[in-house]
């Protein structure tokens, strides 16, 4: 009797559970899904304890348009080293099987400086690409100095013509380049104790810097009217690092450095974004450069024409337009080779 009465109830309960399971699966399919994997790189280089990592899922279906970010994950590494596991949630309903998708990874330090980034395509989700256990390989970003390690000083002596000299600071020493008229080749000056400022000297020369000015002594001649030209120092610092074209612009602020045959570095949106593209292609007739990754297209147009920075008023010999994923950034530049 009890068995006959309980069986229909049990059967009804089983059907109810089955219905709930199907509904739950449908909700999961229409809701969020997860991409998981690791951020990795090959060199044995430790990350700083305060590093931060990010992973983005992007729709990269259109080759001539910016990638659309569908989901993004940011996290502190808290002293952990690679491989760094990640689990990125995204809206499964937003995935179109006809589209192409990719993941990108970055690692920055606490100040936001880009240390490691994706330089190759990592396809996911559709067209036979993986949807789990994804390994995002990162490449190291060539370090750019936070401030100029190379300075240019302009001297205006009371007797004689104005001139400039270049000083490069490194490892407690100063590299000194003087105009040819001095007849003194490149010098390495060790740092010596001074009551104030930074003082470097050897038997041939002395540079004693205080703030944005410097005293230069060569032999028995002294030049105390030497003032730092920061803009010229930035260009000279770039030239010594192998940069052949350097350009800047405003609204939003950006800096472009092209090392011909090696890489293009584009720092834009007032330093919030940085893009590093290897192996740029030179355009015909010295008209500029072109470079691309799986997710970005960048073209640099260079035209020899008088150009004036609209904020600093500084004059340049080249007008430069950087086109990144269809957006133009206009400014002025200098060729450094």
C-alpha atoms as a PDB file:
ATOM      1  CA  UNK A   1       0.000   0.000   0.000  1.00  0.00           C
ATOM      2  CA  UNK A   2       2.706   2.434   1.074  1.00  0.00           C
ATOM      3  CA  UNK A   3       4.853   1.266  -1.804  1.00  0.00           C
ATOM      4  CA  UNK A   4       2.130   1.930  -4.334  1.00  0.00           C
ATOM      5  CA  UNK A   5       1.567   5.433  -2.918  1.00  0.00           C
ATOM      6  CA  UNK A   6       5.282   6.360  -2.666  1.00  0.00           C
ATOM      7  CA  UNK A   7       6.311   5.202  -6.151  1.00  0.00           C
ATOM      8  CA  UNK A   8       4.419   7.922  -8.029  1.00  0.00           C
ATOM      9  CA  UNK A   9       5.808  10.498  -5.596  1.00  0.00           C
ATOM     10  CA  UNK A  10       9.347   9.219  -6.097  1.00  0.00           C
ATOM     11  CA  UNK A  11       8.859   9.220  -9.839  1.00  0.00           C
ATOM     12  CA  UNK A  12       7.514  12.785  -9.733  1.00  0.00           C
ATOM     13  CA  UNK A  13      10.501  13.854  -7.593  1.00  0.00           C
ATOM     14  CA  UNK A  14      12.912  12.253 -10.064  1.00  0.00           C
ATOM     15  CA  UNK A  15      11.267  14.099 -12.975  1.00  0.00           C
ATOM     16  CA  UNK A  16      11.445  17.350 -10.990  1.00  0.00           C
ATOM     17  CA  UNK A  17      15.179  16.850 -10.351  1.00  0.00           C
ATOM     18  CA  UNK A  18      15.789  16.100 -13.998  1.00  0.00           C
ATOM     19  CA  UNK A  19      13.903  19.217 -15.014  1.00  0.00           C
ATOM     20  CA  UNK A  20      15.910  21.333 -12.551  1.00  0.00           C
ATOM     21  CA  UNK A  21      19.174  19.875 -13.841  1.00  0.00           C
ATOM     22  CA  UNK A  22      18.276  20.691 -17.424  1.00  0.00           C
ATOM     23  CA  UNK A  23      17.200  24.204 -16.441  1.00  0.00           C
ATOM     24  CA  UNK A  24      20.410  24.716 -14.429  1.00  0.00           C
ATOM     25  CA  UNK A  25      22.521  23.550 -17.361  1.00  0.00           C
ATOM     26  CA  UNK A  26      20.642  25.894 -19.676  1.00  0.00           C
ATOM     27  CA  UNK A  27      21.204  28.783 -17.251  1.00  0.00           C
ATOM     28  CA  UNK A  28      24.908  27.990 -17.026  1.00  0.00           C
ATOM     29  CA  UNK A  29      25.174  27.820 -20.798  1.00  0.00           C
ATOM     30  CA  UNK A  30      23.423  31.183 -21.173  1.00  0.00           C
ATOM     31  CA  UNK A  31      25.300  32.765 -18.224  1.00  0.00           C
ATOM     32  CA  UNK A  32      28.952  33.023 -17.298  1.00  0.00           C
ATOM     33  CA  UNK A  33      31.676  30.629 -18.328  1.00  0.00           C
ATOM     34  CA  UNK A  34      35.343  30.463 -17.352  1.00  0.00           C
ATOM     35  CA  UNK A  35      38.650  30.455 -19.207  1.00  0.00           C
ATOM     36  CA  UNK A  36      41.539  29.167 -17.125  1.00  0.00           C
ATOM     37  CA  UNK A  37      45.234  28.779 -17.718  1.00  0.00           C
ATOM     38  CA  UNK A  38      48.630  30.254 -16.864  1.00  0.00           C
ATOM     39  CA  UNK A  39      50.724  33.305 -17.669  1.00  0.00           C
ATOM     40  CA  UNK A  40      54.270  32.132 -18.418  1.00  0.00           C
ATOM     41  CA  UNK A  41      57.606  33.335 -19.787  1.00  0.00           C
ATOM     42  CA  UNK A  42      60.865  31.474 -20.416  1.00  0.00           C
ATOM     43  CA  UNK A  43      63.727  33.623 -19.024  1.00  0.00           C
ATOM     44  CA  UNK A  44      64.617  33.026 -15.392  1.00  0.00           C
ATOM     45  CA  UNK A  45      63.851  36.577 -14.266  1.00  0.00           C
ATOM     46  CA  UNK A  46      62.055  37.187 -10.988  1.00  0.00           C
ATOM     47  CA  UNK A  47      59.017  39.436 -10.824  1.00  0.00           C
ATOM     48  CA  UNK A  48      58.957  42.237  -8.243  1.00  0.00           C
ATOM     49  CA  UNK A  49      56.790  41.473  -5.221  1.00  0.00           C
ATOM     50  CA  UNK A  50      54.392  44.308  -6.105  1.00  0.00           C
ATOM     51  CA  UNK A  51      53.781  43.210  -9.710  1.00  0.00           C
ATOM     52  CA  UNK A  52      50.251  43.152 -11.112  1.00  0.00           C
ATOM     53  CA  UNK A  53      48.981  40.899 -13.900  1.00  0.00           C
ATOM     54  CA  UNK A  54      46.052  41.223 -16.291  1.00  0.00           C
ATOM     55  CA  UNK A  55      44.311  38.909 -18.767  1.00  0.00           C
ATOM     56  CA  UNK A  56      41.850  40.042 -21.441  1.00  0.00           C
ATOM     57  CA  UNK A  57      39.479  38.113 -23.685  1.00  0.00           C
ATOM     58  CA  UNK A  58      39.089  39.939 -26.998  1.00  0.00           C
ATOM     59  CA  UNK A  59      37.055  39.573 -30.186  1.00  0.00           C
ATOM     60  CA  UNK A  60      39.667  39.836 -32.962  1.00  0.00           C
ATOM     61  CA  UNK A  61      37.422  38.949 -35.896  1.00  0.00           C
ATOM     62  CA  UNK A  62      38.001  42.159 -37.841  1.00  0.00           C
ATOM     63  CA  UNK A  63      41.567  42.598 -39.074  1.00  0.00           C
ATOM     64  CA  UNK A  64      41.143  46.318 -39.814  1.00  0.00           C
ATOM     65  CA  UNK A  65      39.384  47.316 -36.581  1.00  0.00           C
ATOM     66  CA  UNK A  66      40.379  47.503 -32.912  1.00  0.00           C
ATOM     67  CA  UNK A  67      39.868  44.344 -30.880  1.00  0.00           C
ATOM     68  CA  UNK A  68      36.761  44.376 -28.654  1.00  0.00           C
ATOM     69  CA  UNK A  69      37.396  43.450 -25.024  1.00  0.00           C
ATOM     70  CA  UNK A  70      34.746  41.029 -23.723  1.00  0.00           C
ATOM     71  CA  UNK A  71      36.203  40.319 -20.274  1.00  0.00           C
ATOM     72  CA  UNK A  72      39.195  41.380 -18.222  1.00  0.00           C
ATOM     73  CA  UNK A  73      40.868  40.101 -15.055  1.00  0.00           C
ATOM     74  CA  UNK A  74      43.381  42.074 -12.954  1.00  0.00           C
ATOM     75  CA  UNK A  75      45.191  40.673  -9.938  1.00  0.00           C
ATOM     76  CA  UNK A  76      48.216  41.269  -7.707  1.00  0.00           C
ATOM     77  CA  UNK A  77      50.937  38.635  -7.911  1.00  0.00           C
ATOM     78  CA  UNK A  78      51.782  39.101  -4.193  1.00  0.00           C
ATOM     79  CA  UNK A  79      55.318  37.804  -4.619  1.00  0.00           C
ATOM     80  CA  UNK A  80      54.328  34.773  -6.712  1.00  0.00           C
ATOM     81  CA  UNK A  81      56.343  33.891  -9.795  1.00  0.00           C
ATOM     82  CA  UNK A  82      55.408  32.357 -13.129  1.00  0.00           C
ATOM     83  CA  UNK A  83      53.529  30.295 -14.004  1.00  0.00           C
ATOM     84  CA  UNK A  84      50.722  32.537 -12.739  1.00  0.00           C
ATOM     85  CA  UNK A  85      47.340  30.763 -12.852  1.00  0.00           C
ATOM     86  CA  UNK A  86      44.259  32.732 -13.914  1.00  0.00           C
ATOM     87  CA  UNK A  87      40.531  32.101 -14.134  1.00  0.00           C
ATOM     88  CA  UNK A  88      38.688  34.591 -16.334  1.00  0.00           C
ATOM     89  CA  UNK A  89      34.887  34.707 -16.301  1.00  0.00           C
ATOM     90  CA  UNK A  90      33.051  35.836 -19.428  1.00  0.00           C
ATOM     91  CA  UNK A  91      29.504  35.988 -20.814  1.00  0.00           C
ATOM     92  CA  UNK A  92      28.991  32.748 -22.713  1.00  0.00           C
ATOM     93  CA  UNK A  93      25.979  34.198 -24.543  1.00  0.00           C
ATOM     94  CA  UNK A  94      28.234  36.867 -26.112  1.00  0.00           C
ATOM     95  CA  UNK A  95      30.309  34.271 -27.974  1.00  0.00           C
ATOM     96  CA  UNK A  96      29.538  33.937 -31.666  1.00  0.00           C
ATOM     97  CA  UNK A  97      30.901  30.705 -33.175  1.00  0.00           C
ATOM     98  CA  UNK A  98      31.553  32.539 -36.439  1.00  0.00           C
ATOM     99  CA  UNK A  99      33.951  34.996 -34.741  1.00  0.00           C
ATOM    100  CA  UNK A 100      37.618  34.724 -33.719  1.00  0.00           C
ATOM    101  CA  UNK A 101      38.685  35.273 -30.121  1.00  0.00           C
ATOM    102  CA  UNK A 102      42.051  35.622 -28.399  1.00  0.00           C
ATOM    103  CA  UNK A 103      43.466  36.198 -24.946  1.00  0.00           C
ATOM    104  CA  UNK A 104      46.175  38.705 -24.065  1.00  0.00           C
ATOM    105  CA  UNK A 105      48.300  38.965 -20.951  1.00  0.00           C
ATOM    106  CA  UNK A 106      50.415  41.682 -19.316  1.00  0.00           C
ATOM    107  CA  UNK A 107      52.484  42.109 -16.182  1.00  0.00           C
ATOM    108  CA  UNK A 108      53.280  45.573 -14.816  1.00  0.00           C
ATOM    109  CA  UNK A 109      55.088  46.888 -11.767  1.00  0.00           C
ATOM    110  CA  UNK A 110      53.450  48.976  -9.044  1.00  0.00           C
ATOM    111  CA  UNK A 111      54.045  52.208 -10.983  1.00  0.00           C
ATOM    112  CA  UNK A 112      52.281  50.771 -14.035  1.00  0.00           C
ATOM    113  CA  UNK A 113      55.420  50.215 -16.104  1.00  0.00           C
ATOM    114  CA  UNK A 114      54.899  47.377 -18.577  1.00  0.00           C
ATOM    115  CA  UNK A 115      57.336  44.519 -17.847  1.00  0.00           C
ATOM    116  CA  UNK A 116      55.981  41.545 -19.841  1.00  0.00           C
ATOM    117  CA  UNK A 117      53.373  41.408 -22.607  1.00  0.00           C
ATOM    118  CA  UNK A 118      51.799  39.207 -25.269  1.00  0.00           C
ATOM    119  CA  UNK A 119      53.428  39.456 -28.703  1.00  0.00           C
ATOM    120  CA  UNK A 120      51.757  36.504 -30.448  1.00  0.00           C
ATOM    121  CA  UNK A 121      48.196  35.350 -31.110  1.00  0.00           C
ATOM    122  CA  UNK A 122      46.579  33.048 -28.503  1.00  0.00           C
ATOM    123  CA  UNK A 123      43.298  31.905 -30.058  1.00  0.00           C
ATOM    124  CA  UNK A 124      40.499  30.531 -27.851  1.00  0.00           C
ATOM    125  CA  UNK A 125      36.899  29.271 -27.810  1.00  0.00           C
ATOM    126  CA  UNK A 126      35.918  28.989 -31.476  1.00  0.00           C
ATOM    127  CA  UNK A 127      37.178  27.460 -34.734  1.00  0.00           C
ATOM    128  CA  UNK A 128      38.885  24.574 -33.002  1.00  0.00           C
ATOM    129  CA  UNK A 129      40.764  26.732 -30.454  1.00  0.00           C
ATOM    130  CA  UNK A 130      41.043  25.621 -26.785  1.00  0.00           C
ATOM    131  CA  UNK A 131      38.616  26.724 -24.104  1.00  0.00           C
ATOM    132  CA  UNK A 132      40.641  25.601 -21.069  1.00  0.00           C
ATOM    133  CA  UNK A 133      44.225  24.996 -19.854  1.00  0.00           C
ATOM    134  CA  UNK A 134      45.462  27.976 -21.888  1.00  0.00           C
ATOM    135  CA  UNK A 135      49.113  28.948 -21.730  1.00  0.00           C
ATOM    136  CA  UNK A 136      49.752  32.629 -22.481  1.00  0.00           C
ATOM    137  CA  UNK A 137      53.424  33.141 -23.265  1.00  0.00           C
ATOM    138  CA  UNK A 138      54.771  36.611 -22.511  1.00  0.00           C
ATOM    139  CA  UNK A 139      57.843  38.428 -23.820  1.00  0.00           C
ATOM    140  CA  UNK A 140      59.925  40.877 -21.840  1.00  0.00           C
ATOM    141  CA  UNK A 141      59.521  44.548 -22.674  1.00  0.00           C
ATOM    142  CA  UNK A 142      62.827  46.289 -23.267  1.00  0.00           C
ATOM    143  CA  UNK A 143      63.337  48.543 -20.284  1.00  0.00           C
ATOM    144  CA  UNK A 144      62.910  52.251 -20.858  1.00  0.00           C
ATOM    145  CA  UNK A 145      64.426  54.572 -18.282  1.00  0.00           C
ATOM    146  CA  UNK A 146      61.974  56.254 -15.897  1.00  0.00           C
ATOM    147  CA  UNK A 147      63.908  59.504 -16.344  1.00  0.00           C
ATOM    148  CA  UNK A 148      66.781  60.589 -18.556  1.00  0.00           C
ATOM    149  CA  UNK A 149      70.041  58.889 -17.635  1.00  0.00           C
ATOM    150  CA  UNK A 150      71.524  61.009 -20.411  1.00  0.00           C
ATOM    151  CA  UNK A 151      71.525  64.792 -20.065  1.00  0.00           C
ATOM    152  CA  UNK A 152      72.406  67.577 -22.472  1.00  0.00           C
ATOM    153  CA  UNK A 153      73.807  70.798 -21.008  1.00  0.00           C
ATOM    154  CA  UNK A 154      73.879  74.067 -22.957  1.00  0.00           C
ATOM    155  CA  UNK A 155      76.719  76.400 -21.948  1.00  0.00           C
ATOM    156  CA  UNK A 156      76.809  80.149 -22.647  1.00  0.00           C
ATOM    157  CA  UNK A 157      80.250  81.358 -21.543  1.00  0.00           C
ATOM    158  CA  UNK A 158      80.902  85.073 -21.214  1.00  0.00           C
ATOM    159  CA  UNK A 159      83.891  84.718 -23.546  1.00  0.00           C
ATOM    160  CA  UNK A 160      83.442  82.421 -26.528  1.00  0.00           C
ATOM    161  CA  UNK A 161      80.653  80.781 -28.477  1.00  0.00           C
ATOM    162  CA  UNK A 162      77.786  78.853 -26.842  1.00  0.00           C
ATOM    163  CA  UNK A 163      78.144  75.076 -26.961  1.00  0.00           C
ATOM    164  CA  UNK A 164      76.573  71.928 -25.540  1.00  0.00           C
ATOM    165  CA  UNK A 165      77.907  68.730 -24.012  1.00  0.00           C
ATOM    166  CA  UNK A 166      76.390  65.343 -23.227  1.00  0.00           C
ATOM    167  CA  UNK A 167      76.649  63.599 -19.847  1.00  0.00           C
ATOM    168  CA  UNK A 168      75.474  60.020 -19.304  1.00  0.00           C
ATOM    169  CA  UNK A 169      75.184  58.741 -15.724  1.00  0.00           C
ATOM    170  CA  UNK A 170      75.635  55.045 -14.977  1.00  0.00           C
ATOM    171  CA  UNK A 171      76.992  52.925 -12.103  1.00  0.00           C
ATOM    172  CA  UNK A 172      78.506  55.825 -10.166  1.00  0.00           C
ATOM    173  CA  UNK A 173      80.343  57.156 -13.225  1.00  0.00           C
ATOM    174  CA  UNK A 174      79.703  59.805 -15.825  1.00  0.00           C
ATOM    175  CA  UNK A 175      80.299  59.466 -19.553  1.00  0.00           C
ATOM    176  CA  UNK A 176      81.259  62.816 -21.083  1.00  0.00           C
ATOM    177  CA  UNK A 177      81.007  63.854 -24.737  1.00  0.00           C
ATOM    178  CA  UNK A 178      82.457  67.297 -25.574  1.00  0.00           C
ATOM    179  CA  UNK A 179      82.357  69.224 -28.880  1.00  0.00           C
ATOM    180  CA  UNK A 180      85.172  68.427 -31.317  1.00  0.00           C
ATOM    181  CA  UNK A 181      86.640  71.877 -30.711  1.00  0.00           C
ATOM    182  CA  UNK A 182      87.852  70.731 -27.281  1.00  0.00           C
ATOM    183  CA  UNK A 183      90.056  68.060 -28.848  1.00  0.00           C
ATOM    184  CA  UNK A 184      89.203  65.689 -25.992  1.00  0.00           C
ATOM    185  CA  UNK A 185      87.745  62.245 -26.811  1.00  0.00           C
ATOM    186  CA  UNK A 186      84.994  60.534 -24.820  1.00  0.00           C
ATOM    187  CA  UNK A 187      85.800  60.458 -21.100  1.00  0.00           C
ATOM    188  CA  UNK A 188      84.682  58.294 -18.181  1.00  0.00           C
ATOM    189  CA  UNK A 189      84.632  60.361 -14.982  1.00  0.00           C
ATOM    190  CA  UNK A 190      84.351  58.551 -11.625  1.00  0.00           C
ATOM    191  CA  UNK A 191      82.194  60.141  -8.920  1.00  0.00           C
ATOM    192  CA  UNK A 192      84.037  61.858  -6.070  1.00  0.00           C
ATOM    193  CA  UNK A 193      82.899  63.154  -2.679  1.00  0.00           C
ATOM    194  CA  UNK A 194      81.369  66.636  -2.726  1.00  0.00           C
ATOM    195  CA  UNK A 195      79.695  68.847  -0.134  1.00  0.00           C
ATOM    196  CA  UNK A 196      76.652  69.252  -2.384  1.00  0.00           C
ATOM    197  CA  UNK A 197      75.398  68.077  -5.757  1.00  0.00           C
ATOM    198  CA  UNK A 198      77.067  65.303  -7.762  1.00  0.00           C
ATOM    199  CA  UNK A 199      80.722  65.698  -8.761  1.00  0.00           C
ATOM    200  CA  UNK A 200      82.612  63.599 -11.307  1.00  0.00           C
ATOM    201  CA  UNK A 201      86.216  64.127 -12.355  1.00  0.00           C
ATOM    202  CA  UNK A 202      89.405  62.691 -13.788  1.00  0.00           C
ATOM    203  CA  UNK A 203      92.696  64.280 -14.798  1.00  0.00           C
ATOM    204  CA  UNK A 204      91.240  65.812 -17.974  1.00  0.00           C
ATOM    205  CA  UNK A 205      87.804  67.106 -16.946  1.00  0.00           C
ATOM    206  CA  UNK A 206      85.286  67.699 -14.179  1.00  0.00           C
ATOM    207  CA  UNK A 207      81.479  67.945 -14.157  1.00  0.00           C
ATOM    208  CA  UNK A 208      79.784  69.205 -11.001  1.00  0.00           C
ATOM    209  CA  UNK A 209      75.987  69.177 -11.278  1.00  0.00           C
ATOM    210  CA  UNK A 210      73.487  70.841  -8.944  1.00  0.00           C
ATOM    211  CA  UNK A 211      69.822  70.707  -9.808  1.00  0.00           C
ATOM    212  CA  UNK A 212      69.387  71.549 -13.492  1.00  0.00           C
ATOM    213  CA  UNK A 213      72.757  73.301 -13.890  1.00  0.00           C
ATOM    214  CA  UNK A 214      76.361  72.122 -14.040  1.00  0.00           C
ATOM    215  CA  UNK A 215      79.906  73.405 -13.789  1.00  0.00           C
ATOM    216  CA  UNK A 216      82.249  72.070 -16.470  1.00  0.00           C
ATOM    217  CA  UNK A 217      86.025  72.253 -16.147  1.00  0.00           C
ATOM    218  CA  UNK A 218      88.370  71.135 -18.924  1.00  0.00           C
ATOM    219  CA  UNK A 219      92.031  71.613 -18.179  1.00  0.00           C
ATOM    220  CA  UNK A 220      92.363  75.065 -16.669  1.00  0.00           C
ATOM    221  CA  UNK A 221      89.208  76.431 -18.296  1.00  0.00           C
ATOM    222  CA  UNK A 222      85.983  76.647 -16.308  1.00  0.00           C
ATOM    223  CA  UNK A 223      82.422  76.978 -17.658  1.00  0.00           C
ATOM    224  CA  UNK A 224      79.834  77.717 -15.000  1.00  0.00           C
ATOM    225  CA  UNK A 225      76.974  78.802 -17.245  1.00  0.00           C
ATOM    226  CA  UNK A 226      75.705  75.349 -18.261  1.00  0.00           C
ATOM    227  CA  UNK A 227      71.962  74.572 -17.971  1.00  0.00           C
ATOM    228  CA  UNK A 228      70.197  71.261 -18.667  1.00  0.00           C
ATOM    229  CA  UNK A 229      68.082  71.009 -21.829  1.00  0.00           C
ATOM    230  CA  UNK A 230      65.692  68.238 -20.820  1.00  0.00           C
ATOM    231  CA  UNK A 231      64.080  67.755 -24.243  1.00  0.00           C
ATOM    232  CA  UNK A 232      67.454  67.438 -25.938  1.00  0.00           C
ATOM    233  CA  UNK A 233      68.545  65.009 -23.212  1.00  0.00           C
ATOM    234  CA  UNK A 234      65.557  62.762 -23.837  1.00  0.00           C
ATOM    235  CA  UNK A 235      66.367  62.642 -27.547  1.00  0.00           C
ATOM    236  CA  UNK A 236      70.055  61.947 -26.923  1.00  0.00           C
ATOM    237  CA  UNK A 237      69.196  59.237 -24.388  1.00  0.00           C
ATOM    238  CA  UNK A 238      66.943  57.595 -26.996  1.00  0.00           C
ATOM    239  CA  UNK A 239      69.640  57.851 -29.675  1.00  0.00           C
ATOM    240  CA  UNK A 240      72.176  56.111 -27.449  1.00  0.00           C
ATOM    241  CA  UNK A 241      69.625  53.314 -26.905  1.00  0.00           C
ATOM    242  CA  UNK A 242      69.397  52.753 -30.670  1.00  0.00           C
ATOM    243  CA  UNK A 243      66.222  54.752 -31.362  1.00  0.00           C
ATOM    244  CA  UNK A 244      66.185  56.215 -34.882  1.00  0.00           C
ATOM    245  CA  UNK A 245      62.902  58.155 -34.708  1.00  0.00           C
ATOM    246  CA  UNK A 246      61.369  59.774 -31.627  1.00  0.00           C
ATOM    247  CA  UNK A 247      58.076  61.662 -31.724  1.00  0.00           C
ATOM    248  CA  UNK A 248      55.643  63.133 -29.200  1.00  0.00           C
ATOM    249  CA  UNK A 249      52.127  64.531 -29.203  1.00  0.00           C
ATOM    250  CA  UNK A 250      49.396  65.863 -26.942  1.00  0.00           C
ATOM    251  CA  UNK A 251      45.705  65.421 -26.143  1.00  0.00           C
ATOM    252  CA  UNK A 252      46.143  62.626 -25.213  1.00  0.00           C
ATOM    253  CA  UNK A 253      49.865  62.668 -24.484  1.00  0.00           C
ATOM    254  CA  UNK A 254      51.933  60.075 -26.349  1.00  0.00           C
ATOM    255  CA  UNK A 255      55.547  59.138 -27.094  1.00  0.00           C
ATOM    256  CA  UNK A 256      56.751  57.034 -30.042  1.00  0.00           C
ATOM    257  CA  UNK A 257      60.203  55.461 -30.305  1.00  0.00           C
ATOM    258  CA  UNK A 258      61.197  53.520 -33.424  1.00  0.00           C
ATOM    259  CA  UNK A 259      64.316  51.366 -33.385  1.00  0.00           C
ATOM    260  CA  UNK A 260      64.556  50.556 -37.098  1.00  0.00           C
ATOM    261  CA  UNK A 261      64.556  46.830 -37.778  1.00  0.00           C
ATOM    262  CA  UNK A 262      64.025  46.002 -34.114  1.00  0.00           C
ATOM    263  CA  UNK A 263      60.882  47.382 -32.558  1.00  0.00           C
ATOM    264  CA  UNK A 264      58.352  50.175 -32.194  1.00  0.00           C
ATOM    265  CA  UNK A 265      57.381  51.348 -28.709  1.00  0.00           C
ATOM    266  CA  UNK A 266      54.213  53.445 -28.484  1.00  0.00           C
ATOM    267  CA  UNK A 267      53.304  54.923 -25.101  1.00  0.00           C
ATOM    268  CA  UNK A 268      49.907  56.638 -25.259  1.00  0.00           C
ATOM    269  CA  UNK A 269      46.940  57.953 -23.255  1.00  0.00           C
ATOM    270  CA  UNK A 270      49.333  59.848 -20.958  1.00  0.00           C
ATOM    271  CA  UNK A 271      51.326  56.706 -20.246  1.00  0.00           C
ATOM    272  CA  UNK A 272      48.346  54.539 -19.280  1.00  0.00           C
ATOM    273  CA  UNK A 273      48.883  52.281 -22.311  1.00  0.00           C
ATOM    274  CA  UNK A 274      52.058  50.955 -23.854  1.00  0.00           C
ATOM    275  CA  UNK A 275      52.399  48.880 -27.001  1.00  0.00           C
ATOM    276  CA  UNK A 276      55.568  47.109 -28.123  1.00  0.00           C
ATOM    277  CA  UNK A 277      55.664  45.736 -31.671  1.00  0.00           C
ATOM    278  CA  UNK A 278      58.721  43.894 -33.007  1.00  0.00           C
ATOM    279  CA  UNK A 279      60.222  43.947 -36.521  1.00  0.00           C
ATOM    280  CA  UNK A 280      58.688  47.114 -38.009  1.00  0.00           C
ATOM    281  CA  UNK A 281      58.520  47.386 -41.790  1.00  0.00           C
ATOM    282  CA  UNK A 282      59.914  50.560 -43.383  1.00  0.00           C
ATOM    283  CA  UNK A 283      57.512  52.203 -45.834  1.00  0.00           C
ATOM    284  CA  UNK A 284      58.691  53.150 -49.361  1.00  0.00           C
ATOM    285  CA  UNK A 285      60.393  56.526 -49.913  1.00  0.00           C
ATOM    286  CA  UNK A 286      61.264  56.848 -46.220  1.00  0.00           C
ATOM    287  CA  UNK A 287      57.613  57.702 -45.523  1.00  0.00           C
ATOM    288  CA  UNK A 288      57.390  55.908 -42.182  1.00  0.00           C
ATOM    289  CA  UNK A 289      56.876  52.464 -40.687  1.00  0.00           C
ATOM    290  CA  UNK A 290      54.274  49.740 -40.331  1.00  0.00           C
ATOM    291  CA  UNK A 291      53.981  47.043 -37.644  1.00  0.00           C
ATOM    292  CA  UNK A 292      51.300  44.645 -36.452  1.00  0.00           C
ATOM    293  CA  UNK A 293      50.426  41.957 -33.971  1.00  0.00           C
ATOM    294  CA  UNK A 294      47.476  39.577 -33.962  1.00  0.00           C
ATOM    295  CA  UNK A 295      45.393  42.250 -32.219  1.00  0.00           C
ATOM    296  CA  UNK A 296      46.777  45.630 -33.289  1.00  0.00           C
ATOM    297  CA  UNK A 297      47.728  47.485 -36.453  1.00  0.00           C
ATOM    298  CA  UNK A 298      50.055  50.489 -36.241  1.00  0.00           C
ATOM    299  CA  UNK A 299      51.344  52.763 -39.004  1.00  0.00           C
ATOM    300  CA  UNK A 300      53.693  55.722 -38.618  1.00  0.00           C
ATOM    301  CA  UNK A 301      53.593  58.473 -41.240  1.00  0.00           C
ATOM    302  CA  UNK A 302      56.664  60.737 -41.282  1.00  0.00           C
ATOM    303  CA  UNK A 303      56.815  63.906 -43.370  1.00  0.00           C
ATOM    304  CA  UNK A 304      59.713  66.384 -43.404  1.00  0.00           C
ATOM    305  CA  UNK A 305      57.993  69.621 -42.513  1.00  0.00           C
ATOM    306  CA  UNK A 306      58.415  72.300 -39.853  1.00  0.00           C
ATOM    307  CA  UNK A 307      56.376  71.256 -36.826  1.00  0.00           C
ATOM    308  CA  UNK A 308      55.858  72.986 -33.494  1.00  0.00           C
ATOM    309  CA  UNK A 309      54.714  71.282 -30.305  1.00  0.00           C
ATOM    310  CA  UNK A 310      51.406  72.940 -29.422  1.00  0.00           C
ATOM    311  CA  UNK A 311      52.135  72.865 -25.677  1.00  0.00           C
ATOM    312  CA  UNK A 312      55.881  73.441 -25.262  1.00  0.00           C
ATOM    313  CA  UNK A 313      56.394  75.461 -28.447  1.00  0.00           C
ATOM    314  CA  UNK A 314      59.478  73.360 -29.285  1.00  0.00           C
ATOM    315  CA  UNK A 315      60.334  73.236 -32.994  1.00  0.00           C
ATOM    316  CA  UNK A 316      60.871  69.952 -34.870  1.00  0.00           C
ATOM    317  CA  UNK A 317      61.830  69.039 -38.415  1.00  0.00           C
ATOM    318  CA  UNK A 318      59.238  66.281 -38.957  1.00  0.00           C
ATOM    319  CA  UNK A 319      55.471  65.998 -38.724  1.00  0.00           C
ATOM    320  CA  UNK A 320      54.419  62.561 -37.482  1.00  0.00           C
ATOM    321  CA  UNK A 321      51.043  60.809 -37.499  1.00  0.00           C
ATOM    322  CA  UNK A 322      50.655  57.509 -35.627  1.00  0.00           C
ATOM    323  CA  UNK A 323      47.594  55.477 -36.640  1.00  0.00           C
ATOM    324  CA  UNK A 324      46.746  52.758 -34.126  1.00  0.00           C
ATOM    325  CA  UNK A 325      43.755  50.547 -34.956  1.00  0.00           C
ATOM    326  CA  UNK A 326      42.196  53.336 -37.007  1.00  0.00           C
ATOM    327  CA  UNK A 327      42.771  56.146 -34.471  1.00  0.00           C
ATOM    328  CA  UNK A 328      45.164  58.955 -35.372  1.00  0.00           C
ATOM    329  CA  UNK A 329      47.686  60.523 -32.979  1.00  0.00           C
ATOM    330  CA  UNK A 330      49.314  63.671 -34.403  1.00  0.00           C
ATOM    331  CA  UNK A 331      52.561  65.263 -33.288  1.00  0.00           C
ATOM    332  CA  UNK A 332      56.141  66.197 -34.099  1.00  0.00           C
ATOM    333  CA  UNK A 333      59.365  64.229 -34.186  1.00  0.00           C
ATOM    334  CA  UNK A 334      63.092  64.011 -34.782  1.00  0.00           C
ATOM    335  CA  UNK A 335      65.234  61.520 -36.648  1.00  0.00           C
ATOM    336  CA  UNK A 336      68.145  60.498 -34.431  1.00  0.00           C
ATOM    337  CA  UNK A 337      70.422  58.443 -36.685  1.00  0.00           C
END
